[in-house]
Structures are given as structure tokens and as C-alpha cells.
Amino acid sequence: MELESNYEIRRVADFIRSNYFTRVALQFPDELLKDSMRVVKALRQELSSSVKLYVMADTTYGSCCVDEVGAAHVNAECVIHYGHTCLSPTSRLPALFIFGKASISTSNCARNVLSHGLKSGKPVLVLFGLEYAHAIPDIREELARNASSLSGSTSMVEYFYADVSCSVVNPSETSKPANQLGLVDSEVVNGCLTEETSQNYSMGGLSWRLPKGRNMEEYLLFWIGMDNPAFANLALTFNSCEIVRYDATEDSLMTDVSQQTKILKRRYYLVQKAKDANMVGILVGTLGVAGYLHIIHQMRELVTKAGKKSYTFVMGRPNPAKLANFPECDVFINVSCAQTALLDSKEFFAPVITPFEAMLAFERGSQWTGAYVLEFPELISSTPSVVREESEEARFSFLQGGYVEDLDLRDNEEVEKDGMSALVNATEKALQVRDEDSQSLTKSIPKSGAEYLARRSYQGLDIKESNSLPQKFLSGRSGKASGYKHEKRNGN
């Protein structure tokens, strides 16, 4: 019964039968892989023998995203995704998400929501990890029952609840707005809010409505779940809100989430460091999230317009050892889903930033207002919070402690036509010193990977052609390790 409940065997079987799928990929994260064979056996009893089931593990990128590349290897027609997910839209295959059902004490959680809401005095917006979605109706009932027992103004605190956006994603529907997808529940708050009197929000598979005219800063955000990338995404996106976290595993309330907001200071430092970069590496961190190609092309254009050189890398999950193979890159842009885009690059030789941070770093005149964006739809064909101002003045670098003359290729139409020769001409024009004191101005000179390769002491294997005949190869040992054929045994 526990297996049936946690993995929703009948629901998965009904989804496969109703859509007439015959080749299905079952994607498990590492922590749930131990149950994969039991799930397959249970599904076999519900499905006909014509349905082929394939278990996918060790995904190329983050396990929260649908691994469409792995599913394509077995020509799967759909993916059943188990466990934690970012609910990012797919680009090719339909997917059904099974979040699981983590244990939680609904009564203790409701008491914490009520007590902290009364202490804060602000309206409370309850958000949660998707693994706790099954317990939200019980928490709402328990909270309503406890609040009704109170009298006077203490019971006037408003409580709003997020809802799961969807559990089934079809590629043909991912380009539609959320209100056309039917992703927003009309009763996610106390009372009925219509489209005209409310404003919609969505993030990490959750969606919610707030009364029109209200800002998120007016609410206390109550997060139910673990301190994971989903919570980090929430804390960074709504960094100006008061946030508390209820840890269901330990039944404790964490009111100090300053560690998450401190990350913004680190991210701002990386933005300043990226401004001084000459060569930029674009890391392809996903091949399944809808819109990843658009954001990659947008990053290439952004880097080119900033007068810098870019290279694109596809290498799966990045780590310090992999990126150390490309020391020429001064900074890397990680194009990934919202929950895997943030990398702690302290151990990396070069900083790793997000596409939003790249837009702030490479758009001349842009300023960071504190807003933070990680979702793809909000970044595609968008601009930073402040419109870029055209200026020929040198940029002041906080890290170098002086002015830097950046190469500007925006007004040079020959760059796209001729390439290297146009780049050289534009460089000569852009690097003309406009300051009387030439020592106070640093020239930013873009370089290519070929230039760095020419300076390396090791440039790979050098295979020289030779007319001489190859030498005779020696034969290796043969036989078993306990006694090779060429070895003499005792007594022989």
C-alpha cells in the first residue's frame, strides 16, 4: 500500500493507457533508484505486455529536469518523472510528474503557521516543496479550525495558499500563457478571486494569486520543506520579503534565513568580476527545458555586442576539474533550469554566473536594483531592470581599481560580415585613449582561444608524418594471471 500511495501506480498506469503509449521511460533520482524495480513490477501488473518500460538513472544534467536526451536513446514516447522536480516545461516529450509524499505532522505545521502569523501581523502566504503538496488540504483544514477558535482581532490574519501548477506537461502547450494552460486554481486563497481582481505568480511548479494592488513585500512567506534549491530560488527571487521555513523532518521553525540572502552579496561580486572578462564560456546545462536554445543564442549575441569572445560547452554537470581544462575563459555562463543555475563557484578557477547576471554584467549602463530572475520565460528577449545608456566614457572597474576601456562592437556592422578583420579594426578604434593620462586607463583587449593555445607549452599530441616503416610490435603476456604461458612452472 505504501508503494502504491507514494508512487501512484494506478494513476501512472491510467495515464499510459489513456494516451496509448507503448514505450515509456521511468526517470528516478539516485535516492529513489532502490525502489525502481518494485515500481516496474507493480506497473507490469497494471499494464499489458505490449508496453515497454525503461528505467533511467544517472541523468546527464540535474535530476530535477526531464531527461529527454536519455529517453530519446530508447525512443520513448513519454517520461514518468519521480521525486523532486523543478517542473520546467519540456521541449519534445510529454511528461507526468510524481512528486512523492513526504511525511509531515499537519497539526504541528498548522500551529506554527498560525502562531507565527499572529506574531508577524502580516498576511501569510504558504508555499511548499512539491513533496508536501499532498498534505496542504489537511493543513488548511487544521489551520482554519484553530483560527476559528480564536476571538477578536487575532483571528483576522489572512492566509493564502499556493497550488501546484500542474503534474502533466505537454510540449505543445508550453508556449501558452499560464492562464490558457489552466494552471491557476481559482480557489487558492480564502475567498474567490477573479482574473480582474487578482494577480498571478508562479515559480518552481507553484502558482498563486494575490489581490490586485498588493505587493509580495506585504506578505510573510511561510515555506514548508527542506533547505534545497527550490527554497534558495524563493529566497533570492523574493529577497525583500520576510521568510520563515518549517522543517517537517525535524518539526522545527527556522526564522533566520539570512544565509540565503547573503548569497546576493556574493552574486553581486561575481557580476562585477564578469564585467572585466574578455573571454566567456557558455555552459549548456540542459537539453530538455523549453527555450534553452533561445537563451543560448541570446547570450552569444549579448557577449558579442559587449566586445567579448564566447565559446559554447556541452559537458553535462560542470565541476572544477572539467572547467579547469579551459583556463582561457575568464567567466562561465550556466544556462540551466532555475534550480540548478546557481553554482557555488568558490572552488572553480573562474566564476560561474547565471544568464540574468550576464545581462547585468555585459549590458553597458545596467544597474542591479535587487531584483533577481532565474526562470527562462522571464529572461528570453528581455532586458535588465534599467535601460542601457549609450556612453563612450570608460568604465570604472571596482576590482582593478581604475577605469577600463571596453571594446564596443554594437555600432560596427562589419563585424558580422567579415569577422576577424573587422574585429581588429574595431579594436583599434575602440582602444584609442581618450584620457590625457594614459596610465590611468586600462585597455580591454579581447583574445581568442587560438591565441591562448599558441602560448601553451603543451598543445596536445603531435603526430608527425614519417616515411619510415613502423617498428615491430612486441607481444604481450597471455594466459591466466595465476600462470602465464611464458612462465615456467616448477617441475617442468
Protein backbone atom coordinates (compact mmCIF):
# COMPACT_ATOMS: atom_id res chain seq x y z
CA MET A 1 0.00 0.00 0.00
CA GLU A 2 2.89 2.38 0.76
CA LEU A 3 4.43 1.76 -2.66
CA GLU A 4 1.06 2.26 -4.36
CA SER A 5 0.47 5.51 -2.47
CA ASN A 6 3.93 7.07 -2.82
CA TYR A 7 4.45 6.22 -6.48
CA GLU A 8 0.77 6.43 -7.54
CA ILE A 9 0.92 3.20 -9.52
CA ARG A 10 -2.70 3.26 -10.72
CA ARG A 11 -2.55 6.89 -11.77
CA VAL A 12 0.60 6.26 -13.81
CA ALA A 13 -0.98 3.19 -15.43
CA ASP A 14 -4.13 5.15 -16.31
CA PHE A 15 -2.01 7.93 -17.83
CA ILE A 16 -0.13 5.45 -20.02
CA ARG A 17 -3.27 3.61 -21.13
CA SER A 18 -5.33 6.73 -21.84
CA ASN A 19 -2.61 8.13 -24.13
CA TYR A 20 -1.85 4.78 -25.79
CA PHE A 21 1.87 4.96 -25.02
CA THR A 22 3.84 1.79 -25.79
CA ARG A 23 7.39 2.90 -24.89
CA VAL A 24 7.68 4.67 -21.54
CA ALA A 25 10.80 5.95 -19.74
CA LEU A 26 10.75 5.96 -15.94
CA GLN A 27 13.16 8.55 -14.54
CA PHE A 28 14.35 8.08 -10.94
CA PRO A 29 16.76 10.24 -8.92
CA ASP A 30 19.61 8.48 -7.15
CA GLU A 31 17.85 8.38 -3.77
CA LEU A 32 14.78 6.60 -5.22
CA LEU A 33 16.60 4.20 -7.51
CA LYS A 34 16.36 1.45 -4.89
CA ASP A 35 12.58 1.29 -5.46
CA SER A 36 12.72 1.31 -9.26
CA MET A 37 12.40 -2.45 -9.76
CA ARG A 38 9.46 -2.66 -7.38
CA VAL A 39 7.73 0.16 -9.26
CA VAL A 40 8.34 -1.58 -12.60
CA LYS A 41 6.94 -4.85 -11.22
CA ALA A 42 3.82 -3.08 -9.91
CA LEU A 43 3.28 -1.32 -13.24
CA ARG A 44 3.68 -4.60 -15.13
CA GLN A 45 0.68 -5.96 -13.24
CA GLU A 46 -1.43 -2.97 -14.28
CA LEU A 47 -0.33 -2.71 -17.93
CA SER A 48 -0.42 -5.02 -20.89
CA SER A 49 2.68 -6.80 -22.10
CA SER A 50 2.86 -4.58 -25.19
CA VAL A 51 4.00 -1.61 -23.08
CA LYS A 52 7.80 -1.40 -22.77
CA LEU A 53 9.17 0.20 -19.59
CA TYR A 54 12.71 1.61 -19.36
CA VAL A 55 14.36 2.81 -16.13
CA MET A 56 16.57 5.91 -16.44
CA ALA A 57 19.16 6.83 -13.82
CA ASP A 58 22.30 8.95 -13.55
CA THR A 59 20.90 11.78 -15.64
CA THR A 60 23.27 13.88 -17.73
CA TYR A 61 22.16 17.12 -16.08
CA GLY A 62 20.14 17.89 -12.94
CA SER A 63 17.76 15.14 -11.87
CA CYS A 64 15.02 17.73 -11.30
CA CYS A 65 14.63 18.18 -15.08
CA VAL A 66 13.15 15.67 -17.51
CA ASP A 67 15.99 13.79 -19.23
CA GLU A 68 14.71 13.94 -22.80
CA VAL A 69 18.12 13.00 -24.20
CA GLY A 70 18.19 9.74 -22.23
CA ALA A 71 14.59 8.99 -23.19
CA ALA A 72 15.41 9.53 -26.86
CA HIS A 73 18.00 6.73 -26.70
CA VAL A 74 15.20 4.19 -26.24
CA ASN A 75 12.72 6.04 -28.49
CA ALA A 76 10.41 6.67 -25.53
CA GLU A 77 7.08 8.32 -26.21
CA CYS A 78 6.77 9.89 -22.76
CA VAL A 79 8.63 10.23 -19.45
CA ILE A 80 7.35 9.46 -15.95
CA HIS A 81 9.42 11.63 -13.63
CA TYR A 82 9.65 10.59 -9.96
CA GLY A 83 10.85 12.64 -7.00
CA HIS A 84 11.88 16.26 -6.64
CA THR A 85 11.37 18.34 -9.76
CA CYS A 86 11.61 21.93 -10.94
CA LEU A 87 8.60 21.35 -13.24
CA SER A 88 10.40 23.06 -16.10
CA PRO A 89 8.50 22.75 -19.39
CA THR A 90 9.74 20.09 -21.80
CA SER A 91 10.66 20.72 -25.42
CA ARG A 92 9.89 17.39 -27.12
CA LEU A 93 8.26 14.73 -24.93
CA PRO A 94 5.18 14.77 -22.67
CA ALA A 95 5.89 14.08 -19.02
CA LEU A 96 3.96 13.02 -15.94
CA PHE A 97 5.43 14.11 -12.59
CA ILE A 98 5.05 12.01 -9.44
CA PHE A 99 6.21 14.17 -6.54
CA GLY A 100 6.06 11.56 -3.80
CA LYS A 101 4.51 12.02 -0.37
CA ALA A 102 6.93 13.06 2.35
CA SER A 103 5.76 12.57 5.93
CA ILE A 104 4.70 15.65 7.89
CA SER A 105 2.78 16.43 11.08
CA THR A 106 -0.08 18.55 9.77
CA SER A 107 -1.22 19.61 13.24
CA ASN A 108 2.23 20.87 14.29
CA CYS A 109 2.72 22.62 10.96
CA ALA A 110 -0.68 24.35 11.22
CA ARG A 111 0.12 25.53 14.76
CA ASN A 112 3.41 27.03 13.56
CA VAL A 113 1.70 28.82 10.67
CA LEU A 114 -0.94 30.24 13.00
CA SER A 115 1.42 31.31 15.80
CA HIS A 116 3.98 32.97 13.55
CA GLY A 117 1.25 34.65 11.50
CA LEU A 118 -0.24 36.16 14.68
CA LYS A 119 3.22 37.26 15.82
CA SER A 120 4.04 38.92 12.48
CA GLY A 121 0.67 40.55 11.90
CA LYS A 122 1.18 40.32 8.14
CA PRO A 123 -0.96 38.27 5.76
CA VAL A 124 0.65 34.84 5.35
CA LEU A 125 1.41 33.18 2.01
CA VAL A 126 2.04 29.45 2.45
CA LEU A 127 4.48 27.94 -0.06
CA PHE A 128 5.84 24.42 -0.01
CA GLY A 129 8.04 21.81 -1.58
CA LEU A 130 6.16 19.66 -4.08
CA GLU A 131 6.70 16.56 -1.95
CA TYR A 132 4.38 18.11 0.66
CA ALA A 133 1.59 19.02 -1.77
CA HIS A 134 -0.49 16.05 -0.58
CA ALA A 135 -0.65 17.47 2.97
CA ILE A 136 -1.73 21.04 2.13
CA PRO A 137 -5.54 20.33 2.23
CA ASP A 138 -5.19 18.85 5.73
CA ILE A 139 -3.04 21.78 6.87
CA ARG A 140 -5.65 24.24 5.58
CA GLU A 141 -8.43 22.48 7.44
CA GLU A 142 -6.41 22.28 10.65
CA LEU A 143 -5.41 25.94 10.41
CA ALA A 144 -9.00 27.05 9.75
CA ARG A 145 -10.19 25.03 12.75
CA ASN A 146 -7.53 26.54 15.04
CA ALA A 147 -8.14 30.08 13.76
CA SER A 148 -11.91 29.80 14.29
CA SER A 149 -11.35 29.08 17.98
CA LEU A 150 -9.68 32.46 18.42
CA SER A 151 -11.69 35.60 19.08
CA GLY A 152 -11.15 39.27 18.41
CA SER A 153 -8.61 40.82 16.05
CA THR A 154 -6.15 37.95 16.48
CA SER A 155 -8.22 35.83 14.11
CA MET A 156 -8.21 38.47 11.33
CA VAL A 157 -4.88 37.37 9.83
CA GLU A 158 -5.28 36.40 6.17
CA TYR A 159 -3.86 33.11 4.94
CA PHE A 160 -3.13 32.48 1.27
CA TYR A 161 -2.01 29.18 -0.23
CA ALA A 162 -0.06 28.31 -3.34
CA ASP A 163 -1.19 25.48 -5.54
CA VAL A 164 0.67 23.01 -7.75
CA SER A 165 0.73 24.40 -11.29
CA CYS A 166 0.33 21.03 -12.99
CA SER A 167 1.56 17.46 -12.91
CA VAL A 168 1.39 16.77 -16.65
CA VAL A 169 3.40 18.77 -19.19
CA ASN A 170 2.94 18.57 -22.95
CA PRO A 171 5.48 20.26 -25.27
CA SER A 172 2.75 21.73 -27.48
CA GLU A 173 1.32 23.61 -24.51
CA THR A 174 4.48 25.03 -23.01
CA SER A 175 4.40 28.15 -25.17
CA LYS A 176 0.95 29.20 -23.92
CA PRO A 177 0.46 31.59 -21.02
CA ALA A 178 -0.36 30.10 -17.64
CA ASN A 179 -3.98 31.23 -17.71
CA GLN A 180 -4.52 29.34 -21.00
CA LEU A 181 -2.99 26.20 -19.58
CA GLY A 182 -5.44 26.15 -16.69
CA LEU A 183 -2.52 26.15 -14.26
CA VAL A 184 -4.02 28.60 -11.78
CA ASP A 185 -6.60 27.35 -9.31
CA SER A 186 -9.45 29.83 -8.82
CA GLU A 187 -9.69 28.91 -5.13
CA VAL A 188 -6.10 29.07 -3.97
CA VAL A 189 -6.94 31.73 -1.37
CA ASN A 190 -9.60 32.34 1.22
CA GLY A 191 -12.45 33.65 -0.86
CA CYS A 192 -12.88 33.64 -4.62
CA LEU A 193 -10.65 35.91 -6.68
CA THR A 194 -11.40 36.56 -10.34
CA GLU A 195 -8.93 37.42 -13.09
CA GLU A 196 -9.87 41.11 -12.87
CA THR A 197 -9.34 41.38 -9.10
CA SER A 198 -6.15 39.33 -8.70
CA GLN A 199 -2.61 39.00 -10.00
CA ASN A 200 -0.90 35.70 -10.69
CA TYR A 201 2.55 34.47 -9.64
CA SER A 202 4.33 31.23 -10.45
CA MET A 203 7.69 29.75 -9.52
CA GLY A 204 9.19 26.27 -9.26
CA GLY A 205 5.96 24.43 -10.10
CA LEU A 206 3.82 26.53 -7.74
CA SER A 207 1.29 29.20 -8.66
CA TRP A 208 -0.73 31.56 -6.51
CA ARG A 209 -2.99 34.59 -6.68
CA LEU A 210 -2.90 37.75 -4.65
CA PRO A 211 -5.47 40.56 -4.54
CA LYS A 212 -4.79 43.16 -7.18
CA GLY A 213 -2.82 46.14 -5.92
CA ARG A 214 -0.89 44.18 -3.30
CA ASN A 215 2.85 43.54 -3.43
CA MET A 216 4.72 40.44 -2.35
CA GLU A 217 6.66 42.53 0.18
CA GLU A 218 3.47 42.93 2.21
CA TYR A 219 3.27 39.18 2.92
CA LEU A 220 5.02 36.80 5.25
CA LEU A 221 6.27 33.87 3.18
CA PHE A 222 5.93 30.60 5.08
CA TRP A 223 7.90 27.82 3.36
CA ILE A 224 7.16 24.18 4.19
CA GLY A 225 10.05 21.96 3.17
CA MET A 226 13.77 21.46 3.15
CA ASP A 227 16.58 23.94 2.58
CA ASN A 228 17.07 22.92 -1.05
CA PRO A 229 17.47 24.70 -4.41
CA ALA A 230 13.71 25.33 -4.57
CA PHE A 231 13.87 27.28 -1.31
CA ALA A 232 17.03 29.10 -2.44
CA ASN A 233 15.20 30.16 -5.60
CA LEU A 234 12.35 31.53 -3.47
CA ALA A 235 14.66 33.38 -1.07
CA LEU A 236 16.62 35.03 -3.90
CA THR A 237 13.62 35.93 -6.04
CA PHE A 238 11.68 37.48 -3.14
CA ASN A 239 14.69 38.71 -1.18
CA SER A 240 12.83 41.76 0.15
CA CYS A 241 10.12 39.64 1.83
CA GLU A 242 10.05 38.26 5.35
CA ILE A 243 10.57 34.49 5.02
CA VAL A 244 10.41 31.65 7.52
CA ARG A 245 10.91 27.93 6.89
CA TYR A 246 9.24 24.97 8.56
CA ASP A 247 11.42 21.85 8.54
CA ALA A 248 8.98 18.93 8.51
CA THR A 249 11.66 16.31 9.15
CA GLU A 250 12.68 17.90 12.46
CA ASP A 251 9.37 19.66 13.22
CA SER A 252 11.16 22.97 13.77
CA LEU A 253 10.67 26.53 12.55
CA MET A 254 13.65 28.38 11.07
CA THR A 255 13.16 32.12 11.32
CA ASP A 256 16.70 33.13 10.37
CA VAL A 257 17.18 32.70 6.62
CA SER A 258 19.80 35.44 6.32
CA GLN A 259 22.27 32.90 4.95
CA GLN A 260 20.20 32.70 1.76
CA THR A 261 20.01 36.47 1.35
CA LYS A 262 23.78 36.77 1.91
CA ILE A 263 24.19 34.88 -1.35
CA LEU A 264 23.11 38.06 -3.15
CA LYS A 265 26.27 39.82 -1.99
CA ARG A 266 28.34 37.02 -3.49
CA ARG A 267 26.36 37.16 -6.73
CA TYR A 268 26.87 40.92 -7.00
CA TYR A 269 30.62 40.41 -6.62
CA LEU A 270 30.56 37.85 -9.45
CA VAL A 271 28.71 40.34 -11.66
CA GLN A 272 31.45 42.91 -11.11
CA LYS A 273 34.10 40.29 -11.83
CA ALA A 274 32.35 39.26 -15.05
CA LYS A 275 32.50 42.84 -16.33
CA ASP A 276 36.30 42.57 -16.56
CA ALA A 277 36.19 39.28 -18.50
CA ASN A 278 37.49 39.11 -22.08
CA MET A 279 36.60 35.51 -22.91
CA VAL A 280 33.28 33.99 -21.86
CA GLY A 281 32.28 30.32 -21.79
CA ILE A 282 28.60 29.42 -22.20
CA LEU A 283 27.77 26.16 -20.38
CA VAL A 284 24.81 24.23 -21.78
CA GLY A 285 23.32 22.87 -18.55
CA THR A 286 20.17 21.41 -20.07
CA LEU A 287 18.98 19.91 -23.34
CA GLY A 288 15.35 19.42 -22.37
CA VAL A 289 13.99 22.61 -20.83
CA ALA A 290 11.91 24.51 -23.37
CA GLY A 291 13.62 27.72 -24.51
CA TYR A 292 17.21 26.72 -23.76
CA LEU A 293 18.29 27.31 -27.38
CA HIS A 294 16.78 30.80 -27.37
CA ILE A 295 18.63 31.81 -24.22
CA ILE A 296 21.92 30.39 -25.58
CA HIS A 297 21.61 32.45 -28.76
CA GLN A 298 20.67 35.47 -26.67
CA MET A 299 23.78 35.04 -24.52
CA ARG A 300 26.00 34.76 -27.62
CA GLU A 301 24.61 37.98 -29.03
CA LEU A 302 24.97 39.69 -25.67
CA VAL A 303 28.63 38.69 -25.33
CA THR A 304 29.42 39.70 -28.92
CA LYS A 305 27.79 43.12 -28.53
CA ALA A 306 29.87 43.66 -25.40
CA GLY A 307 33.03 43.14 -27.48
CA LYS A 308 33.99 39.84 -25.90
CA LYS A 309 34.66 36.38 -27.27
CA SER A 310 32.37 33.47 -26.40
CA TYR A 311 32.65 29.68 -26.64
CA THR A 312 29.86 27.17 -26.03
CA PHE A 313 30.47 23.99 -24.00
CA VAL A 314 28.28 20.93 -23.57
CA MET A 315 29.73 18.82 -20.75
CA GLY A 316 26.95 17.57 -18.51
CA ARG A 317 27.22 18.53 -14.85
CA PRO A 318 30.07 21.06 -14.51
CA ASN A 319 32.71 20.66 -11.81
CA PRO A 320 36.06 22.38 -11.08
CA ALA A 321 38.09 19.68 -12.87
CA LYS A 322 36.09 19.95 -16.10
CA LEU A 323 36.17 23.74 -16.29
CA ALA A 324 39.87 23.80 -15.39
CA ASN A 325 40.52 22.38 -18.86
CA PHE A 326 39.57 25.80 -20.26
CA PRO A 327 41.69 28.30 -18.29
CA GLU A 328 41.34 30.84 -21.10
CA CYS A 329 37.74 31.59 -20.07
CA ASP A 330 37.51 34.38 -17.51
CA VAL A 331 33.88 33.63 -16.66
CA PHE A 332 31.24 30.99 -17.47
CA ILE A 333 27.50 31.46 -18.01
CA ASN A 334 25.47 28.47 -16.81
CA VAL A 335 22.34 28.03 -18.95
CA SER A 336 20.25 25.70 -16.83
CA CYS A 337 16.90 25.40 -15.08
CA ALA A 338 16.15 27.76 -12.21
CA GLN A 339 17.05 25.23 -9.51
CA THR A 340 20.43 24.19 -10.93
CA ALA A 341 21.59 27.53 -12.38
CA LEU A 342 23.20 28.69 -9.13
CA LEU A 343 26.62 27.11 -8.68
CA ASP A 344 28.87 27.80 -5.72
CA SER A 345 31.95 28.59 -7.79
CA LYS A 346 34.33 29.22 -4.88
CA GLU A 347 36.34 26.12 -5.82
CA PHE A 348 36.31 26.94 -9.54
CA PHE A 349 39.17 28.76 -11.24
CA ALA A 350 36.68 31.11 -12.94
CA PRO A 351 33.32 32.36 -11.65
CA VAL A 352 30.08 30.77 -12.91
CA ILE A 353 27.17 33.17 -13.30
CA THR A 354 23.55 32.93 -14.41
CA PRO A 355 22.09 34.40 -17.64
CA PHE A 356 20.42 37.16 -15.62
CA GLU A 357 23.75 38.12 -14.07
CA ALA A 358 25.34 38.06 -17.52
CA MET A 359 22.77 40.56 -18.75
CA LEU A 360 23.63 42.86 -15.86
CA ALA A 361 27.37 42.48 -16.45
CA PHE A 362 27.54 42.85 -20.22
CA GLU A 363 24.80 45.43 -20.89
CA ARG A 364 26.60 48.77 -20.58
CA GLY A 365 24.88 51.12 -18.15
CA SER A 366 22.74 48.47 -16.46
CA GLN A 367 22.30 48.61 -12.71
CA TRP A 368 21.11 45.99 -10.28
CA THR A 369 18.02 47.10 -8.34
CA GLY A 370 17.96 43.99 -6.14
CA ALA A 371 15.51 42.06 -8.31
CA TYR A 372 16.64 38.55 -9.19
CA VAL A 373 15.36 36.34 -12.01
CA LEU A 374 16.15 32.67 -12.64
CA GLU A 375 13.23 31.46 -14.76
CA PHE A 376 13.73 31.08 -18.54
CA PRO A 377 10.47 32.73 -19.76
CA GLU A 378 11.28 35.94 -17.92
CA LEU A 379 14.79 36.15 -19.41
CA ILE A 380 14.18 35.35 -23.08
CA SER A 381 14.25 38.54 -25.15
CA SER A 382 14.21 40.66 -22.00
CA THR A 383 16.46 43.41 -20.72
CA PRO A 384 17.72 44.24 -17.22
CA SER A 385 15.74 46.44 -14.85
CA VAL A 386 17.46 49.63 -16.03
CA VAL A 387 17.67 50.61 -19.69
CA ARG A 388 21.21 50.77 -21.05
CA GLU A 389 22.58 54.25 -21.60
CA GLU A 390 24.82 54.89 -24.58
CA SER A 391 28.17 56.23 -23.43
CA GLU A 392 31.67 56.43 -24.81
CA GLU A 393 33.21 57.01 -21.39
CA ALA A 394 35.48 54.43 -19.85
CA ARG A 395 34.00 52.08 -17.25
CA PHE A 396 35.30 52.08 -13.69
CA SER A 397 36.33 48.62 -12.51
CA PHE A 398 35.88 48.04 -8.77
CA LEU A 399 38.19 45.03 -8.88
CA GLN A 400 41.03 46.66 -10.81
CA GLY A 401 40.63 49.99 -9.06
CA GLY A 402 40.70 52.06 -12.24
CA TYR A 403 38.96 52.88 -15.49
CA VAL A 404 38.67 50.26 -18.22
CA GLU A 405 38.03 50.96 -21.90
CA ASP A 406 35.69 48.25 -23.13
CA LEU A 407 35.54 47.20 -26.76
CA ASP A 408 32.18 48.17 -28.22
CA LEU A 409 31.08 46.40 -31.39
CA ARG A 410 27.43 47.44 -31.36
CA ASP A 411 27.79 50.14 -33.99
CA ASN A 412 30.18 48.26 -36.25
CA GLU A 413 28.16 46.49 -38.95
CA GLU A 414 31.26 44.93 -40.49
CA VAL A 415 31.80 42.61 -37.54
CA GLU A 416 29.03 40.29 -38.62
CA LYS A 417 30.19 40.33 -42.23
CA ASP A 418 33.93 39.92 -42.11
CA GLY A 419 34.70 38.52 -38.68
CA MET A 420 38.36 38.69 -37.62
CA SER A 421 39.47 41.61 -39.80
CA ALA A 422 36.51 43.68 -38.67
CA LEU A 423 37.26 42.73 -35.08
CA VAL A 424 40.82 44.03 -35.41
CA ASN A 425 39.65 47.30 -36.97
CA ALA A 426 37.03 47.82 -34.33
CA THR A 427 39.57 47.07 -31.60
CA GLU A 428 41.97 49.71 -32.88
CA LYS A 429 39.21 52.32 -32.93
CA ALA A 430 37.74 51.40 -29.57
CA LEU A 431 41.06 51.32 -27.74
CA GLN A 432 42.03 54.87 -28.55
CA VAL A 433 42.95 56.51 -25.25
CA ARG A 434 40.58 59.38 -24.51
CA ASP A 435 42.30 60.25 -21.20
CA GLU A 436 45.34 62.53 -21.11
CA ASP A 437 46.96 60.29 -18.52
CA SER A 438 47.35 57.01 -20.39
CA GLN A 439 48.45 55.23 -17.22
CA SER A 440 45.02 55.69 -15.63
CA LEU A 441 43.21 53.78 -18.36
CA THR A 442 43.34 50.03 -18.85
CA LYS A 443 42.74 48.67 -22.32
CA SER A 444 40.42 45.69 -22.58
CA ILE A 445 41.73 43.55 -25.46
CA PRO A 446 39.65 40.54 -26.50
CA LYS A 447 41.55 37.37 -27.32
CA SER A 448 40.55 34.13 -28.92
CA GLY A 449 41.09 30.57 -27.81
CA ALA A 450 43.58 30.07 -30.64
CA GLU A 451 45.86 32.76 -29.22
CA TYR A 452 45.91 31.09 -25.82
CA LEU A 453 46.54 27.71 -27.41
CA ALA A 454 49.57 29.05 -29.27
CA ARG A 455 51.10 30.20 -25.96
CA ARG A 456 50.59 26.91 -24.17
CA SER A 457 53.62 24.76 -23.55
CA TYR A 458 51.52 21.63 -24.13
CA GLN A 459 49.25 21.68 -27.16
CA GLY A 460 48.21 18.05 -27.31
CA LEU A 461 49.72 15.05 -29.06
CA ASP A 462 51.93 15.98 -32.01
CA ILE A 463 51.71 13.23 -34.61
CA LYS A 464 54.31 13.87 -37.31
CA GLU A 465 54.18 12.12 -40.63
CA SER A 466 57.13 9.87 -41.31
CA ASN A 467 58.10 7.69 -44.25
CA SER A 468 59.94 5.22 -42.04
CA LEU A 469 58.40 1.80 -41.60
CA PRO A 470 56.73 1.10 -38.26
CA GLN A 471 58.72 -0.86 -35.76
CA LYS A 472 57.79 -4.42 -34.92
CA PHE A 473 55.38 -4.62 -32.00
CA LEU A 474 56.20 -6.89 -29.08
CA SER A 475 53.68 -9.49 -27.99
CA GLY A 476 52.26 -9.13 -24.50
CA ARG A 477 51.66 -11.81 -21.94
CA SER A 478 48.86 -14.31 -22.49
CA GLY A 479 47.06 -16.82 -20.37
CA LYS A 480 45.74 -16.64 -16.82
CA ALA A 481 47.22 -14.39 -14.16
CA SER A 482 47.91 -17.40 -11.95
CA GLY A 483 50.30 -18.75 -14.56
CA TYR A 484 51.09 -17.04 -17.86
CA LYS A 485 52.12 -19.19 -20.82
CA HIS A 486 55.67 -17.86 -20.94
CA GLU A 487 56.29 -18.60 -17.27
CA LYS A 488 57.99 -21.89 -16.31
CA ARG A 489 56.20 -23.97 -13.73
CA ASN A 490 58.04 -25.86 -11.02
CA GLY A 491 58.84 -29.38 -12.03
CA ASN A 492 58.74 -28.68 -15.78
